[in-house]
């Protein structure tokens, strides 16, 4: 009889829940909705900015630096929505590139490129290749 009592106590002990540490607790937060407010949509008035003055300008400049070889110039004028101008520069090969351009609302941007002069390419002397000198390493005989 006492064996039956012992077995019933053991089975009750094994049936109890076992705690294995802290468990994660999840609790969702309640969903709250803000009240819907129906208000009229107010649009800001559309303001068109008008030019303060009639756009008109003209400028030109030039650079001739014999130390760096930088030789260039530009000129441009604008009268309303029409822009005309040109620029030129000396290319590294000795030719001069000149660009005449114009832009307006009717034809858009147009450019005409001209090259003048003959390209000069200097002859480069061939490079002599030599075998590398042997590298001498002094060693003490250990690492």
Protein backbone atom coordinates (compact mmCIF):
# COMPACT_ATOMS: atom_id res chain seq x y z
CA UNK A 1 0.00 0.00 0.00
CA UNK A 2 2.74 2.36 0.84
CA UNK A 3 4.16 1.73 -2.69
CA UNK A 4 0.93 2.97 -4.19
CA UNK A 5 1.09 6.13 -2.05
CA UNK A 6 4.72 6.69 -3.05
CA UNK A 7 3.95 6.30 -6.75
CA UNK A 8 1.03 8.70 -6.53
CA UNK A 9 3.22 11.32 -4.80
CA UNK A 10 5.91 10.94 -7.46
CA UNK A 11 3.38 11.28 -10.29
CA UNK A 12 1.90 14.42 -8.69
CA UNK A 13 5.40 15.90 -8.32
CA UNK A 14 6.21 15.20 -11.96
CA UNK A 15 2.91 16.67 -13.16
CA UNK A 16 3.59 20.07 -11.55
CA UNK A 17 4.76 22.84 -13.93
CA UNK A 18 8.50 23.36 -14.05
CA UNK A 19 9.88 26.90 -13.99
CA UNK A 20 12.94 27.34 -16.23
CA UNK A 21 13.60 31.03 -15.65
CA UNK A 22 12.00 34.28 -16.57
CA UNK A 23 9.54 34.01 -19.39
CA UNK A 24 8.78 36.70 -21.95
CA UNK A 25 5.51 38.44 -21.35
CA UNK A 26 3.70 39.95 -24.33
CA UNK A 27 0.89 42.40 -23.93
CA UNK A 28 -0.37 44.36 -26.90
CA UNK A 29 -1.11 48.03 -26.45
CA UNK A 30 -4.65 49.09 -27.13
CA UNK A 31 -5.26 50.75 -30.49
CA UNK A 32 -6.68 54.21 -30.07
CA UNK A 33 -7.93 56.25 -33.00
CA UNK A 34 -8.00 60.02 -33.03
CA UNK A 35 -11.36 61.50 -33.83
CA UNK A 36 -11.85 62.39 -37.50
CA UNK A 37 -12.12 66.12 -38.04
CA UNK A 38 -13.79 67.29 -41.23
CA UNK A 39 -12.41 70.70 -42.11
CA UNK A 40 -12.54 72.57 -45.42
CA UNK A 41 -9.36 72.47 -47.50
CA UNK A 42 -7.89 75.93 -47.91
CA UNK A 43 -5.71 76.52 -50.97
CA UNK A 44 -3.11 79.23 -51.01
CA UNK A 45 -3.51 81.72 -53.84
CA UNK A 46 -1.21 81.11 -56.82
CA UNK A 47 1.28 83.91 -57.19
CA UNK A 48 3.17 84.31 -60.45
CA UNK A 49 6.48 86.07 -60.03
CA UNK A 50 7.10 88.62 -62.73
CA UNK A 51 10.64 89.65 -63.62
CA UNK A 52 11.68 92.79 -61.81
CA UNK A 53 13.52 94.18 -64.80
CA UNK A 54 14.10 93.30 -68.43
CA UNK A 55 16.95 90.74 -68.62
CA UNK A 56 19.77 92.31 -70.59
CA UNK A 57 23.51 91.95 -70.10
CA UNK A 58 26.81 91.57 -71.95
CA UNK A 59 30.25 90.42 -70.79
CA UNK A 60 33.59 89.24 -72.13
CA UNK A 61 36.92 88.13 -70.74
CA UNK A 62 40.17 86.57 -71.86
CA UNK A 63 43.12 84.72 -70.32
CA UNK A 64 46.61 84.36 -71.79
CA UNK A 65 49.01 82.75 -69.33
CA UNK A 66 52.33 81.79 -70.95
CA UNK A 67 53.49 80.00 -67.78
CA UNK A 68 50.67 77.42 -67.80
CA UNK A 69 49.74 77.65 -71.49
CA UNK A 70 46.16 78.58 -70.58
CA UNK A 71 44.77 80.63 -73.46
CA UNK A 72 41.02 81.19 -73.66
CA UNK A 73 38.36 83.85 -74.14
CA UNK A 74 34.59 84.19 -73.93
CA UNK A 75 31.95 86.77 -74.79
CA UNK A 76 28.18 86.63 -74.31
CA UNK A 77 25.19 88.94 -74.54
CA UNK A 78 21.56 88.52 -73.56
CA UNK A 79 18.60 90.55 -74.70
CA UNK A 80 15.36 89.27 -73.16
CA UNK A 81 15.12 85.53 -73.74
CA UNK A 82 17.76 85.47 -76.51
CA UNK A 83 21.35 84.61 -75.57
CA UNK A 84 24.24 84.70 -78.06
CA UNK A 85 27.92 84.21 -77.46
CA UNK A 86 31.15 82.43 -78.25
CA UNK A 87 34.21 81.08 -76.53
CA UNK A 88 37.58 79.82 -77.72
CA UNK A 89 40.45 77.95 -76.17
CA UNK A 90 43.76 76.47 -77.21
CA UNK A 91 43.69 72.67 -76.98
CA UNK A 92 46.69 70.69 -75.63
CA UNK A 93 47.57 69.61 -79.19
CA UNK A 94 47.93 73.27 -80.30
CA UNK A 95 44.63 73.62 -82.19
CA UNK A 96 42.13 76.33 -81.32
CA UNK A 97 38.54 75.36 -80.63
CA UNK A 98 35.95 78.09 -81.15
CA UNK A 99 32.29 77.61 -80.25
CA UNK A 100 29.56 80.03 -81.37
CA UNK A 101 26.26 79.45 -79.58
CA UNK A 102 22.78 80.90 -79.34
CA UNK A 103 19.70 80.04 -77.31
CA UNK A 104 16.10 81.24 -77.48
CA UNK A 105 12.57 80.00 -76.88
CA UNK A 106 11.95 79.25 -80.55
CA UNK A 107 15.01 77.21 -81.63
CA UNK A 108 16.46 76.11 -78.28
CA UNK A 109 20.23 75.84 -77.81
CA UNK A 110 22.41 75.69 -80.93
CA UNK A 111 26.19 75.54 -81.10
CA UNK A 112 28.67 75.56 -83.98
CA UNK A 113 32.13 74.18 -83.17
CA UNK A 114 35.17 75.11 -85.30
CA UNK A 115 38.72 73.85 -85.01
CA UNK A 116 41.58 75.81 -86.52
CA UNK A 117 45.26 75.04 -86.77
CA UNK A 118 47.12 71.76 -87.09
CA UNK A 119 47.57 69.30 -84.27
CA UNK A 120 51.19 68.98 -83.15
CA UNK A 121 52.12 65.74 -81.46
CA UNK A 122 55.69 65.71 -80.13
CA UNK A 123 57.79 62.65 -80.82
CA UNK A 124 58.54 60.87 -77.58
CA UNK A 125 61.99 59.35 -77.19
CA UNK A 126 61.90 55.60 -76.56
CA UNK A 127 62.46 54.54 -72.98
CA UNK A 128 65.39 52.22 -72.35
CA UNK A 129 64.52 49.27 -70.15
CA UNK A 130 67.21 47.93 -67.85
CA UNK A 131 67.29 44.82 -65.73
CA UNK A 132 66.75 45.60 -62.06
CA UNK A 133 69.79 45.52 -59.82
CA UNK A 134 70.02 42.53 -57.49
CA UNK A 135 68.76 43.17 -53.98
CA UNK A 136 71.29 42.42 -51.28
CA UNK A 137 69.81 41.29 -47.97
CA UNK A 138 71.77 41.15 -44.74
CA UNK A 139 70.63 38.31 -42.54
CA UNK A 140 71.50 37.18 -39.03
CA UNK A 141 70.56 33.62 -39.75
CA UNK A 142 67.38 33.55 -37.67
CA UNK A 143 63.87 34.88 -37.98
